[in-house]
Amino acid sequence: MRLHIELDDDLVARVDALSGPRGRSAFVRSAVERAVRQERRWSDIEAAAGAIADEGHDWDLDPAAWVREQRHADPRRAG
């Protein structure tokens, strides 16, 4: 699909310097795809905020001990 957007001349010049004048579309497409992924990640993070209770976890009393136990519980893990 084609899309008409307006950009400042300075911004177009900077895009051209990075991508070359024949690479504008691919550059803009890639930038928009990255921005959409980033926005989705932030939406997911914000939606998940507060999903885990503040207490009642196995690690509450001693988080370092819990991490050590988790590391040693997997026989495939070296060290």
C-alpha atoms as a PDB file:
ATOM      1  CA  MET A   1       0.000   0.000   0.000  1.00  0.00           C
ATOM      2  CA  ARG A   2       1.235   3.457  -0.747  1.00  0.00           C
ATOM      3  CA  LEU A   3       1.150   6.189   1.854  1.00  0.00           C
ATOM      4  CA  HIS A   4       1.742   9.889   1.445  1.00  0.00           C
ATOM      5  CA  ILE A   5       3.636  11.523   4.309  1.00  0.00           C
ATOM      6  CA  GLU A   6       5.300  14.891   4.636  1.00  0.00           C
ATOM      7  CA  LEU A   7       8.787  15.242   6.096  1.00  0.00           C
ATOM      8  CA  ASP A   8      11.005  18.264   6.586  1.00  0.00           C
ATOM      9  CA  ASP A   9      13.718  18.691   3.969  1.00  0.00           C
ATOM     10  CA  ASP A  10      16.390  18.343   6.655  1.00  0.00           C
ATOM     11  CA  LEU A  11      14.966  15.010   7.797  1.00  0.00           C
ATOM     12  CA  VAL A  12      14.793  13.712   4.218  1.00  0.00           C
ATOM     13  CA  ALA A  13      18.418  14.744   3.719  1.00  0.00           C
ATOM     14  CA  ARG A  14      19.422  12.824   6.843  1.00  0.00           C
ATOM     15  CA  VAL A  15      17.474   9.750   5.683  1.00  0.00           C
ATOM     16  CA  ASP A  16      19.187   9.975   2.291  1.00  0.00           C
ATOM     17  CA  ALA A  17      22.586  10.235   3.975  1.00  0.00           C
ATOM     18  CA  LEU A  18      21.879   7.003   5.846  1.00  0.00           C
ATOM     19  CA  SER A  19      20.047   5.023   3.199  1.00  0.00           C
ATOM     20  CA  GLY A  20      20.803   6.644  -0.129  1.00  0.00           C
ATOM     21  CA  PRO A  21      18.062   8.304  -2.174  1.00  0.00           C
ATOM     22  CA  ARG A  22      16.903   4.959  -3.622  1.00  0.00           C
ATOM     23  CA  GLY A  23      16.648   3.431  -0.165  1.00  0.00           C
ATOM     24  CA  ARG A  24      14.161   5.871   1.356  1.00  0.00           C
ATOM     25  CA  SER A  25      11.124   3.601   1.277  1.00  0.00           C
ATOM     26  CA  ALA A  26      12.937   0.663   2.843  1.00  0.00           C
ATOM     27  CA  PHE A  27      14.440   2.934   5.493  1.00  0.00           C
ATOM     28  CA  VAL A  28      11.090   4.497   6.409  1.00  0.00           C
ATOM     29  CA  ARG A  29       9.371   1.088   6.380  1.00  0.00           C
ATOM     30  CA  SER A  30      11.988  -0.309   8.744  1.00  0.00           C
ATOM     31  CA  ALA A  31      11.746   2.719  11.051  1.00  0.00           C
ATOM     32  CA  VAL A  32       7.953   2.470  11.221  1.00  0.00           C
ATOM     33  CA  GLU A  33       8.116  -1.291  11.903  1.00  0.00           C
ATOM     34  CA  ARG A  34      10.564  -0.673  14.782  1.00  0.00           C
ATOM     35  CA  ALA A  35       8.341   2.059  16.198  1.00  0.00           C
ATOM     36  CA  VAL A  36       5.250  -0.169  16.049  1.00  0.00           C
ATOM     37  CA  ARG A  37       7.103  -3.020  17.805  1.00  0.00           C
ATOM     38  CA  GLN A  38       8.321  -0.608  20.484  1.00  0.00           C
ATOM     39  CA  GLU A  39       4.825   0.777  21.067  1.00  0.00           C
ATOM     40  CA  ARG A  40       3.429  -2.758  21.343  1.00  0.00           C
ATOM     41  CA  ARG A  41       6.139  -3.671  23.865  1.00  0.00           C
ATOM     42  CA  TRP A  42       5.281  -0.623  25.986  1.00  0.00           C
ATOM     43  CA  SER A  43       1.577  -1.489  25.788  1.00  0.00           C
ATOM     44  CA  ASP A  44       2.359  -5.045  26.922  1.00  0.00           C
ATOM     45  CA  ILE A  45       4.549  -3.780  29.766  1.00  0.00           C
ATOM     46  CA  GLU A  46       1.899  -1.330  30.939  1.00  0.00           C
ATOM     47  CA  ALA A  47      -0.812  -4.006  30.722  1.00  0.00           C
ATOM     48  CA  ALA A  48       1.301  -6.397  32.803  1.00  0.00           C
ATOM     49  CA  ALA A  49       2.149  -3.829  35.485  1.00  0.00           C
ATOM     50  CA  GLY A  50       0.745  -4.978  38.784  1.00  0.00           C
ATOM     51  CA  ALA A  51      -0.064  -8.471  37.513  1.00  0.00           C
ATOM     52  CA  ILE A  52       2.221 -10.103  40.082  1.00  0.00           C
ATOM     53  CA  ALA A  53       1.250  -9.739  43.728  1.00  0.00           C
ATOM     54  CA  ASP A  54       3.598  -7.779  45.985  1.00  0.00           C
ATOM     55  CA  GLU A  55       3.976 -10.641  48.457  1.00  0.00           C
ATOM     56  CA  GLY A  56       3.482 -14.364  48.901  1.00  0.00           C
ATOM     57  CA  HIS A  57       6.364 -15.543  46.694  1.00  0.00           C
ATOM     58  CA  ASP A  58       8.957 -18.214  47.338  1.00  0.00           C
ATOM     59  CA  TRP A  59      11.681 -15.571  47.043  1.00  0.00           C
ATOM     60  CA  ASP A  60      10.268 -13.022  49.510  1.00  0.00           C
ATOM     61  CA  LEU A  61      12.396 -13.979  52.530  1.00  0.00           C
ATOM     62  CA  ASP A  62      15.753 -14.340  50.753  1.00  0.00           C
ATOM     63  CA  PRO A  63      15.789 -13.535  47.024  1.00  0.00           C
ATOM     64  CA  ALA A  64      19.496 -14.388  46.636  1.00  0.00           C
ATOM     65  CA  ALA A  65      19.003 -17.842  48.155  1.00  0.00           C
ATOM     66  CA  TRP A  66      15.993 -18.422  45.905  1.00  0.00           C
ATOM     67  CA  VAL A  67      18.063 -17.508  42.817  1.00  0.00           C
ATOM     68  CA  ARG A  68      20.885 -19.854  43.900  1.00  0.00           C
ATOM     69  CA  GLU A  69      18.380 -22.649  44.420  1.00  0.00           C
ATOM     70  CA  GLN A  70      16.892 -22.094  40.980  1.00  0.00           C
ATOM     71  CA  ARG A  71      20.326 -22.154  39.373  1.00  0.00           C
ATOM     72  CA  HIS A  72      21.307 -25.425  41.037  1.00  0.00           C
ATOM     73  CA  ALA A  73      17.938 -27.075  40.362  1.00  0.00           C
ATOM     74  CA  ASP A  74      18.699 -27.372  36.632  1.00  0.00           C
ATOM     75  CA  PRO A  75      21.225 -30.177  36.001  1.00  0.00           C
ATOM     76  CA  ARG A  76      21.890 -28.814  32.510  1.00  0.00           C
ATOM     77  CA  ARG A  77      23.320 -25.631  33.980  1.00  0.00           C
ATOM     78  CA  ALA A  78      27.079 -25.499  34.437  1.00  0.00           C
ATOM     79  CA  GLY A  79      28.470 -23.892  37.581  1.00  0.00           C
END
